Protein backbone atom coordinates (compact mmCIF):
# COMPACT_ATOMS: atom_id res chain seq x y z
CA MET A 1 24.26 -25.17 12.69
CA ASN A 2 24.96 -23.54 9.29
CA LYS A 3 28.20 -24.69 7.53
CA ASN A 4 30.47 -23.21 5.44
CA SER A 5 32.05 -24.79 2.50
CA ASP A 6 34.99 -26.12 4.49
CA SER A 7 32.75 -27.85 6.90
CA ARG A 8 33.92 -25.53 9.74
CA PRO A 9 30.77 -23.67 11.69
CA ALA A 10 29.75 -20.36 10.03
CA ILE A 11 31.08 -17.35 11.60
CA ARG A 12 28.37 -14.71 12.90
CA THR A 13 29.66 -11.46 11.32
CA GLU A 14 26.41 -9.58 12.17
CA LEU A 15 27.16 -9.75 16.05
CA PRO A 16 25.93 -7.91 17.76
CA GLY A 17 22.87 -7.83 16.20
CA PRO A 18 20.16 -4.75 16.00
CA LYS A 19 18.45 -5.26 19.60
CA ALA A 20 21.91 -5.99 21.41
CA ARG A 21 23.44 -2.80 20.09
CA ALA A 22 20.43 -1.02 21.28
CA LEU A 23 20.75 -2.43 24.64
CA LEU A 24 24.16 -1.57 24.75
CA ALA A 25 24.14 1.87 24.27
CA ARG A 26 21.58 2.25 26.88
CA ASP A 27 24.05 0.36 29.18
CA ALA A 28 26.53 2.86 28.28
CA ASP A 29 24.78 5.85 29.74
CA VAL A 30 23.25 4.26 33.10
CA VAL A 31 26.16 1.38 33.92
CA SER A 32 29.14 1.78 35.60
CA PRO A 33 32.26 1.26 33.15
CA SER A 34 34.28 -0.96 35.86
CA TYR A 35 32.53 -4.31 34.85
CA PRO A 36 35.12 -5.98 32.67
CA ARG A 37 32.76 -6.90 29.60
CA GLU A 38 34.45 -9.39 27.38
CA HIS A 39 31.84 -9.46 24.32
CA PRO A 40 28.54 -8.02 23.40
CA PHE A 41 26.42 -10.91 24.52
CA VAL A 42 23.08 -9.92 25.42
CA MET A 43 21.03 -12.64 27.11
CA SER A 44 17.47 -13.30 26.38
CA HIS A 45 16.77 -16.92 27.85
CA GLY A 46 18.66 -19.89 28.60
CA ARG A 47 18.12 -23.56 28.91
CA GLY A 48 20.64 -26.22 30.19
CA VAL A 49 24.20 -25.40 28.68
CA GLU A 50 22.52 -23.46 25.87
CA VAL A 51 21.62 -19.79 25.69
CA TRP A 52 19.94 -17.13 23.14
CA ASP A 53 20.92 -13.59 22.64
CA VAL A 54 18.18 -11.00 22.21
CA ASP A 55 18.44 -11.24 18.35
CA GLY A 56 17.80 -15.03 18.68
CA ASN A 57 21.53 -16.06 18.08
CA ARG A 58 22.03 -19.69 19.98
CA PHE A 59 25.34 -20.22 21.83
CA LEU A 60 26.61 -22.88 23.93
CA ASP A 61 27.48 -21.06 27.39
CA PHE A 62 30.92 -23.03 28.30
CA ALA A 63 31.32 -20.08 30.67
CA ALA A 64 28.11 -20.33 33.06
CA GLY A 65 28.07 -17.20 34.70
CA ILE A 66 31.73 -17.48 35.94
CA ALA A 67 31.00 -20.99 37.12
CA VAL A 68 27.78 -20.13 38.79
CA CYS A 69 25.43 -21.78 37.07
CA SER A 70 26.09 -25.57 38.20
CA THR A 71 22.93 -27.02 37.25
CA GLY A 72 22.60 -25.34 33.68
CA HIS A 73 20.22 -22.27 32.98
CA SER A 74 16.80 -22.41 34.72
CA HIS A 75 16.98 -26.25 35.66
CA PRO A 76 13.13 -27.32 36.14
CA GLN A 77 13.81 -28.48 39.66
CA VAL A 78 15.38 -25.18 41.30
CA VAL A 79 12.90 -23.10 39.40
CA GLN A 80 10.08 -24.70 41.14
CA ALA A 81 11.91 -24.57 44.43
CA ILE A 82 11.97 -20.84 44.05
CA LYS A 83 8.44 -20.13 42.80
CA ASP A 84 7.62 -22.49 45.66
CA ALA A 85 10.01 -20.41 48.31
CA ALA A 86 8.42 -17.45 46.83
CA ASP A 87 4.74 -18.34 47.40
CA ARG A 88 5.61 -18.57 51.20
CA PHE A 89 7.61 -15.31 52.01
CA LEU A 90 10.89 -13.57 50.32
CA HIS A 91 12.37 -12.27 53.14
CA ILE A 92 12.92 -12.57 57.04
CA SER A 93 16.15 -11.02 58.96
CA SER A 94 18.62 -12.80 60.40
CA ASP A 95 16.77 -11.87 63.80
CA TYR A 96 14.45 -14.76 63.08
CA TRP A 97 14.54 -18.38 62.13
CA HIS A 98 13.16 -20.34 59.05
CA GLU A 99 13.13 -24.05 58.21
CA GLY A 100 15.05 -23.57 54.40
CA GLN A 101 18.34 -21.87 56.59
CA VAL A 102 18.53 -24.53 59.31
CA ALA A 103 17.87 -27.61 56.51
CA LEU A 104 20.42 -25.80 54.24
CA ALA A 105 22.82 -25.75 57.09
CA GLU A 106 22.22 -29.11 58.22
CA LYS A 107 22.94 -30.58 54.76
CA ILE A 108 26.53 -28.62 54.73
CA ASN A 109 27.34 -30.14 58.03
CA ALA A 110 26.70 -33.48 56.73
CA LEU A 111 28.81 -32.66 53.07
CA ALA A 112 31.68 -30.63 54.80
CA PRO A 113 34.93 -32.11 54.26
CA MET A 114 36.55 -30.94 58.10
CA GLY A 115 36.14 -34.65 59.73
CA GLU A 116 33.90 -33.01 62.35
CA PRO A 117 30.78 -30.76 62.82
CA VAL A 118 30.82 -27.46 61.42
CA LEU A 119 28.60 -24.29 61.64
CA SER A 120 27.75 -22.21 58.59
CA PHE A 121 27.27 -18.46 58.36
CA PHE A 122 24.78 -17.47 55.63
CA CYS A 123 25.93 -14.40 53.32
CA GLN A 124 25.45 -13.22 49.74
CA SER A 125 28.72 -13.67 47.87
CA GLY A 126 31.81 -15.23 47.81
CA THR A 127 33.62 -11.75 48.88
CA GLU A 128 31.33 -11.54 51.95
CA ALA A 129 32.17 -15.12 52.80
CA VAL A 130 36.13 -14.76 52.32
CA GLU A 131 35.50 -11.25 54.60
CA GLY A 132 33.54 -13.45 57.17
CA ALA A 133 36.27 -16.19 56.88
CA LEU A 134 39.09 -13.47 57.63
CA LYS A 135 37.15 -11.94 60.59
CA LEU A 136 36.46 -15.45 62.21
CA ALA A 137 40.06 -15.90 62.06
CA ARG A 138 41.17 -12.94 63.33
CA TYR A 139 38.69 -13.12 66.24
CA VAL A 140 39.36 -16.90 67.46
CA SER A 141 43.15 -16.53 67.10
CA GLY A 142 44.11 -13.26 68.68
CA ARG A 143 46.24 -12.77 65.60
CA SER A 144 46.50 -10.24 62.83
CA ARG A 145 48.36 -11.59 59.83
CA PHE A 146 47.76 -13.37 56.96
CA ILE A 147 49.15 -15.25 54.13
CA GLY A 148 48.11 -15.48 50.65
CA PHE A 149 48.96 -16.10 47.02
CA LEU A 150 50.02 -14.52 43.97
CA GLY A 151 47.46 -15.47 41.43
CA GLY A 152 44.59 -15.63 43.72
CA PHE A 153 41.28 -14.47 43.59
CA HIS A 154 39.24 -14.13 46.48
CA GLY A 155 37.01 -11.05 45.74
CA ARG A 156 36.76 -7.48 45.47
CA THR A 157 35.59 -6.07 48.88
CA MET A 158 38.44 -4.49 50.89
CA GLY A 159 39.45 -7.40 53.35
CA SER A 160 39.29 -9.98 50.41
CA LEU A 161 40.78 -7.43 47.74
CA ALA A 162 44.06 -7.20 50.47
CA PHE A 163 44.23 -11.06 48.98
CA THR A 164 43.03 -10.73 45.37
CA ALA A 165 46.26 -10.61 43.30
CA SER A 166 45.43 -12.07 40.05
CA LYS A 167 45.48 -8.55 38.29
CA GLN A 168 47.20 -5.47 39.50
CA THR A 169 44.22 -3.38 38.24
CA GLN A 170 42.17 -4.96 40.91
CA GLN A 171 44.15 -3.20 43.60
CA GLN A 172 44.93 -0.45 41.88
CA GLY A 173 44.25 3.04 43.81
CA CYS A 174 42.71 1.03 46.66
CA ALA A 175 44.70 0.91 50.06
CA THR A 176 43.64 -2.39 51.24
CA MET A 177 43.59 -4.10 54.60
CA PRO A 178 47.17 -4.29 56.12
CA GLY A 179 48.84 -7.53 57.48
CA VAL A 180 48.48 -9.94 54.18
CA THR A 181 52.07 -11.39 52.64
CA HIS A 182 51.40 -13.11 49.31
CA VAL A 183 53.84 -16.00 48.31
CA PRO A 184 53.88 -17.82 44.97
CA PHE A 185 51.07 -20.26 44.10
CA PRO A 186 52.86 -23.55 42.96
CA ASN A 187 52.60 -23.65 39.04
CA PRO A 188 54.68 -26.74 37.66
CA TYR A 189 54.38 -25.32 34.16
CA HIS A 190 55.86 -21.84 34.99
CA PRO A 191 58.15 -22.83 38.04
CA LEU A 192 59.60 -20.10 39.91
CA PHE A 193 61.77 -22.08 42.54
CA ALA A 194 64.46 -24.64 41.66
CA GLY A 195 63.77 -28.34 42.06
CA GLU A 196 60.85 -30.70 40.75
CA ASP A 197 58.46 -30.32 43.76
CA GLN A 198 57.07 -26.69 43.35
CA GLY A 199 54.86 -27.40 46.40
CA GLN A 200 57.44 -28.42 48.86
CA ALA A 201 59.69 -25.22 47.47
CA VAL A 202 56.63 -22.82 48.33
CA ILE A 203 56.13 -24.48 51.54
CA ASP A 204 59.88 -24.42 52.64
CA TYR A 205 59.80 -20.62 51.30
CA ILE A 206 57.08 -19.87 53.80
CA GLU A 207 58.84 -21.78 56.82
CA ASN A 208 62.80 -21.14 56.02
CA GLY A 209 62.00 -17.80 54.39
CA LEU A 210 59.03 -15.87 55.67
CA PHE A 211 58.83 -17.11 59.26
CA ALA A 212 62.47 -16.89 59.46
CA SER A 213 62.72 -13.58 58.63
CA ASN A 214 59.77 -10.98 58.79
CA VAL A 215 56.75 -12.72 59.30
CA PRO A 216 56.60 -14.07 62.73
CA ALA A 217 54.52 -17.39 62.55
CA SER A 218 52.88 -16.60 65.86
CA GLU A 219 51.26 -13.43 64.48
CA VAL A 220 49.43 -15.61 61.33
CA ALA A 221 46.18 -16.02 61.77
CA ALA A 222 45.64 -18.00 58.56
CA ILE A 223 46.56 -19.46 55.40
CA LEU A 224 43.65 -18.51 52.84
CA VAL A 225 44.27 -20.54 49.29
CA GLU A 226 42.06 -21.95 46.36
CA PRO A 227 42.51 -25.53 46.45
CA ILE A 228 42.99 -25.20 42.33
CA GLN A 229 43.47 -21.79 41.36
CA GLY A 230 41.09 -19.97 39.45
CA GLU A 231 41.23 -16.38 38.01
CA GLY A 232 45.29 -16.85 38.39
CA GLY A 233 44.97 -19.66 35.39
CA TYR A 234 43.17 -22.81 36.30
CA ILE A 235 46.70 -24.01 38.15
CA VAL A 236 46.13 -27.45 39.84
CA PRO A 237 48.93 -27.65 42.63
CA PRO A 238 51.10 -30.63 42.79
CA ASP A 239 50.03 -33.12 44.78
CA GLY A 240 51.03 -33.00 48.38
CA PHE A 241 50.72 -29.16 48.68
CA LEU A 242 47.77 -29.14 50.34
CA ALA A 243 48.73 -31.48 52.89
CA GLY A 244 52.07 -29.49 53.49
CA LEU A 245 50.05 -26.57 54.07
CA ARG A 246 47.88 -28.48 56.83
CA GLN A 247 51.03 -29.75 58.36
CA LEU A 248 52.83 -26.31 57.99
CA CYS A 249 49.70 -24.89 59.93
CA ASP A 250 49.42 -27.30 62.35
CA ARG A 251 53.07 -26.69 63.65
CA HIS A 252 52.32 -22.87 64.29
CA GLY A 253 48.74 -22.90 65.26
CA ILE A 254 47.53 -21.39 62.20
CA LEU A 255 44.23 -21.68 60.82
CA LEU A 256 44.03 -23.09 57.15
CA ILE A 257 41.27 -21.53 54.82
CA PHE A 258 40.35 -23.20 51.76
CA ASP A 259 38.17 -20.82 49.11
CA GLU A 260 36.34 -23.08 47.64
CA VAL A 261 33.81 -20.39 46.17
CA GLN A 262 34.70 -21.71 42.53
CA THR A 263 36.16 -24.97 42.98
CA GLY A 264 33.23 -26.15 45.38
CA ILE A 265 29.89 -27.67 44.49
CA GLY A 266 31.14 -30.40 41.85
CA ARG A 267 32.92 -28.27 39.97
CA SER A 268 36.06 -30.46 40.15
CA GLY A 269 34.08 -33.71 40.02
CA LYS A 270 33.89 -33.99 44.02
CA MET A 271 31.49 -31.76 45.97
CA PHE A 272 34.81 -29.86 47.33
CA ALA A 273 38.01 -29.95 45.33
CA CYS A 274 40.20 -30.41 48.60
CA GLN A 275 38.62 -33.94 48.56
CA HIS A 276 40.89 -34.86 45.83
CA TRP A 277 43.64 -34.59 48.35
CA ASN A 278 41.92 -35.45 51.35
CA VAL A 279 42.96 -32.46 53.28
CA GLN A 280 40.59 -30.74 55.59
CA PRO A 281 40.55 -27.20 56.43
CA ASP A 282 39.32 -25.30 59.13
CA ILE A 283 37.45 -22.83 57.54
CA MET A 284 35.80 -22.83 54.10
CA THR A 285 34.06 -20.54 52.01
CA LEU A 286 31.44 -21.21 49.13
CA ALA A 287 29.22 -19.13 47.10
CA LYS A 288 28.95 -19.29 42.75
CA GLY A 289 27.36 -22.62 41.98
CA LEU A 290 26.05 -23.09 45.62
CA GLY A 291 22.57 -21.46 44.59
CA SER A 292 22.54 -22.05 40.64
CA GLY A 293 22.61 -18.58 39.84
CA LEU A 294 20.79 -16.99 43.11
CA PRO A 295 23.39 -15.10 45.20
CA ILE A 296 24.11 -16.99 48.26
CA GLY A 297 27.56 -17.65 50.13
CA LEU A 298 28.69 -19.55 52.80
CA VAL A 299 31.16 -19.40 55.55
CA VAL A 300 31.74 -22.99 57.00
CA ALA A 301 34.00 -23.91 60.14
CA LYS A 302 34.45 -26.14 62.27
CA LYS A 303 32.04 -26.22 65.17
CA THR A 304 34.72 -25.63 67.68
CA ILE A 305 35.48 -22.50 65.78
CA MET A 306 32.79 -20.95 64.88
CA GLN A 307 30.94 -21.43 68.20
CA GLN A 308 33.83 -18.87 69.52
CA TRP A 309 31.71 -16.02 67.98
CA LYS A 310 29.50 -14.22 70.50
CA SER A 311 25.87 -13.03 69.58
CA GLY A 312 26.23 -9.96 67.34
CA ALA A 313 29.88 -10.51 66.75
CA HIS A 314 29.37 -11.04 63.00
CA ALA A 315 25.68 -10.77 61.10
CA ASN A 316 23.99 -9.32 57.82
CA THR A 317 20.30 -8.47 56.67
CA TYR A 318 20.16 -10.61 53.54
CA GLY A 319 21.88 -13.84 54.78
CA GLY A 320 19.83 -17.30 54.76
CA ASN A 321 17.48 -15.40 52.09
CA PRO A 322 14.66 -18.23 51.72
CA LEU A 323 14.78 -18.28 47.66
CA CYS A 324 18.48 -18.72 47.97
CA CYS A 325 18.47 -21.63 50.41
CA ALA A 326 15.76 -23.40 48.59
CA ALA A 327 17.67 -23.11 45.29
CA ALA A 328 21.22 -24.27 47.09
CA LEU A 329 19.01 -27.39 48.74
CA VAL A 330 18.08 -28.56 45.47
CA THR A 331 21.37 -27.66 43.64
CA LEU A 332 23.28 -29.84 46.49
CA ASP A 333 21.04 -32.76 45.80
CA LEU A 334 21.57 -32.71 42.29
CA VAL A 335 24.91 -32.38 42.43
CA GLU A 336 25.60 -34.85 45.13
CA ARG A 337 23.08 -37.46 43.07
CA GLU A 338 24.24 -37.04 39.60
CA TYR A 339 26.01 -33.86 38.31
CA ALA A 340 29.38 -34.16 40.33
CA ALA A 341 30.07 -37.64 38.94
CA ASN A 342 28.96 -36.11 35.31
CA ALA A 343 31.71 -33.69 35.72
CA GLU A 344 34.09 -36.10 36.39
CA LYS A 345 33.44 -38.26 33.67
CA VAL A 346 32.49 -35.91 30.99
CA GLY A 347 35.40 -33.36 32.02
CA ALA A 348 37.76 -36.38 31.36
CA TYR A 349 36.37 -36.68 28.07
CA PHE A 350 36.62 -33.24 27.79
CA MET A 351 40.41 -32.69 28.60
CA ASP A 352 41.36 -35.65 25.99
CA ARG A 353 39.61 -33.87 23.46
CA LEU A 354 41.44 -30.75 24.02
CA ARG A 355 44.59 -32.82 24.25
CA GLU A 356 43.88 -33.78 20.58
CA LEU A 357 43.47 -30.20 19.45
CA GLN A 358 47.02 -29.53 21.20
CA SER A 359 48.51 -31.96 18.79
CA GLN A 360 47.12 -29.92 16.07
CA HIS A 361 47.75 -26.34 17.40
CA GLN A 362 50.99 -25.32 18.58
CA VAL A 363 49.68 -22.16 20.22
CA ILE A 364 48.15 -24.73 22.94
CA GLY A 365 50.85 -24.92 25.47
CA GLU A 366 48.91 -27.09 28.41
CA VAL A 367 46.07 -28.35 28.99
CA ARG A 368 44.73 -28.91 32.85
CA GLY A 369 42.19 -29.12 35.21
CA LYS A 370 39.90 -31.21 37.20
CA GLY A 371 36.36 -32.17 36.50
CA LEU A 372 34.61 -29.32 34.21
CA MET A 373 37.18 -26.42 36.03
CA ILE A 374 39.57 -26.97 32.64
CA GLY A 375 42.39 -24.33 31.67
CA MET A 376 43.96 -24.29 28.00
CA GLU A 377 47.20 -22.12 28.19
CA LEU A 378 47.97 -20.87 25.05
CA VAL A 379 51.60 -19.62 24.34
CA SER A 380 54.13 -18.02 21.68
CA ASP A 381 56.25 -20.63 21.76
CA ARG A 382 56.08 -24.18 23.38
CA ALA A 383 59.77 -24.56 24.54
CA SER A 384 59.63 -21.56 26.59
CA HIS A 385 56.00 -21.47 27.85
CA LYS A 386 55.82 -17.73 27.11
CA PRO A 387 52.27 -16.85 27.41
CA CYS A 388 50.47 -15.48 24.57
CA LYS A 389 48.07 -12.82 25.71
CA PHE A 390 46.81 -11.85 21.84
CA SER A 391 46.25 -15.53 20.99
CA CYS A 392 43.98 -16.04 23.75
CA HIS A 393 41.95 -12.86 23.29
CA THR A 394 41.35 -13.48 19.73
CA VAL A 395 40.42 -17.29 20.02
CA ILE A 396 37.51 -16.51 22.64
CA THR A 397 36.64 -13.60 19.99
CA ARG A 398 36.20 -16.18 17.46
CA ALA A 399 34.35 -18.82 19.28
CA PHE A 400 32.14 -16.07 20.50
CA HIS A 401 31.54 -15.20 17.14
CA ARG A 402 30.87 -18.97 16.13
CA GLY A 403 28.25 -19.38 19.10
CA LEU A 404 30.76 -20.40 22.12
CA LEU A 405 30.94 -18.34 25.26
CA LEU A 406 34.20 -18.39 27.03
CA LEU A 407 36.31 -16.33 29.21
CA SER A 408 40.11 -16.65 30.33
CA CYS A 409 41.98 -16.37 33.49
CA GLY A 410 45.60 -15.98 34.29
CA GLN A 411 47.92 -14.17 31.48
CA SER A 412 46.80 -16.34 28.76
CA THR A 413 44.54 -19.19 29.63
CA VAL A 414 41.29 -20.07 28.18
CA ARG A 415 39.22 -21.46 30.62
CA PHE A 416 36.23 -23.69 30.24
CA MET A 417 33.25 -24.05 32.90
CA PRO A 418 30.30 -25.33 31.46
CA PRO A 419 27.30 -26.54 33.76
CA LEU A 420 27.71 -29.74 35.52
CA MET A 421 25.29 -31.39 33.55
CA VAL A 422 27.18 -30.96 30.12
CA SER A 423 26.77 -33.49 27.87
CA VAL A 424 29.56 -35.31 25.79
CA ALA A 425 27.48 -34.38 22.65
CA GLN A 426 27.66 -30.77 23.84
CA VAL A 427 31.26 -31.25 24.36
CA ASP A 428 32.07 -32.23 20.81
CA GLU A 429 30.06 -29.13 19.35
CA ALA A 430 32.03 -26.93 21.55
CA ILE A 431 35.45 -28.81 20.27
CA THR A 432 34.37 -28.07 16.75
CA LEU A 433 33.39 -24.45 17.40
CA LEU A 434 36.79 -24.20 19.20
CA ASP A 435 38.98 -25.81 16.48
CA ALA A 436 37.37 -23.47 13.85
CA ALA A 437 38.14 -20.46 16.20
CA LEU A 438 41.92 -21.42 16.52
CA ILE A 439 42.37 -22.12 12.60
CA GLU A 440 40.82 -18.27 12.21
CA ALA A 441 42.91 -16.97 15.30
CA MET A 442 46.12 -18.50 14.03
CA ALA A 443 45.57 -17.25 10.55
CA GLN A 444 45.38 -13.64 11.80
C-alpha cells in the first residue's frame, strides 16, 4: 500500500471513482432510498477479507456484509458446494423433501446448545427466523405478551420490529405488534441502575417492577434477547445475566429465546455466544453467518416445543433452498473445524491491539467484545463516558478513504466483525489504517 511521507497509509481522495459514481447515479433513480448506505463503496469482487471496488481500489472488509461473510468472500469450498447443488436443482418447495435440508437439520441438532434434541424450521433471513420464534412461542404457551430489550435489534418485519429498539427511526411511522414491553439491557459502561451488578438489577426490575405492577408473568410467552447485543453497541452483558434470565423464565413458565442471528456461527469465538455462559435457550434464531452470504435463517427449538406445531401451522415457499443448505453445511464444517478457534485467538489479539490504540487516543472510551465481535466506543469525555457520534462517523469515513470498511452501532461505537478466517497480519494492517484514521479525524 502506498505510504505518504509520515509513514501513514495514503488517503484516497478520489473516492468514489468514476465507475462507482456512475453506478450511484443510476441507483438513485431506481432503488429505494430507505437503505442506510454508509459510504460509496461499489463492490466488484472479493476474496477472503479483501474486496475491490469497480474502480480497482482494494479494501480490507471488517464489516463482512454485517457479519454475514463468516468464511470470507467466495470461499472456494462454499462456492463449489453451491455450484454442485445448482447443477442438481435450484428449488423444491417445502411440500417435499431433499437430502441437503435433512442433513443440515441433523447437523444443527448435533451442535445446538439446548442440551436435548431440537427441530429446525427453515427460512431466508434473521427477521423471518425471529417472526417464526415469536409465533411458535405464542402457539405453544397460549400466552400473548413478550419482553424485549432496549437497544435490541431483531429485524424490520412487523413482528420482529416490535422488539427492535436500537434506533427510533426503525419503528417511526409503523404501528407494530402489541404486547411487547422493553426493559434496559445491562450495560456496565453506561449503567442505568444503582449497584455494581447491572445484570441482576435488570432481572430485579423485571421481577419486582414489571411483574409486580403491570405485566402479569402468567401472560408472558417469552423473553427475547441477544446474548451479546449487536446494533445496540456490541455490549457484552455481565456474567450471570443470561443465567439469571434462565432462572426467571423457569420460575414463571416463560420461554427463553436467544437471538443468535449475529452472535452465532463462531462469531464470538464459540459456535453460539450463549455457550460462553453455558445457558440453554428454549428457542434460538440463526441467520447471517450461517450461509456465508447466501440467504438462510433457522428457528431452532427444543423438540418438545416445536413438535407441538401441527402440519400447516407455519410454512413458507423458499425455506430450505438447496443452494443455501449446501452453503450452510460447508460453513458449519469450516467454523467447527477451524474458524471458531481462529475467531477466539485472533479476536483476543485484535482487542489487545485496540487497547494499545486506546492508550494513545483519548477518544476511545472502551474496547469490548468476544471473539471477532468487537466494539470500540468513542467518547467526548472519558470520565463521563459521553458518546461522541461525530467522532464515530468521522473515523469510519476516514478509514473508508484509507481502505478499511467499517460500520457503527449503538450511539458511537465502531464495530469490528471481519470474516472469521482473518489473519493476525490483516489485523495489523487494519490497526495501521485505523490509527491513521483516528489521527486525521481528531485533527478535524
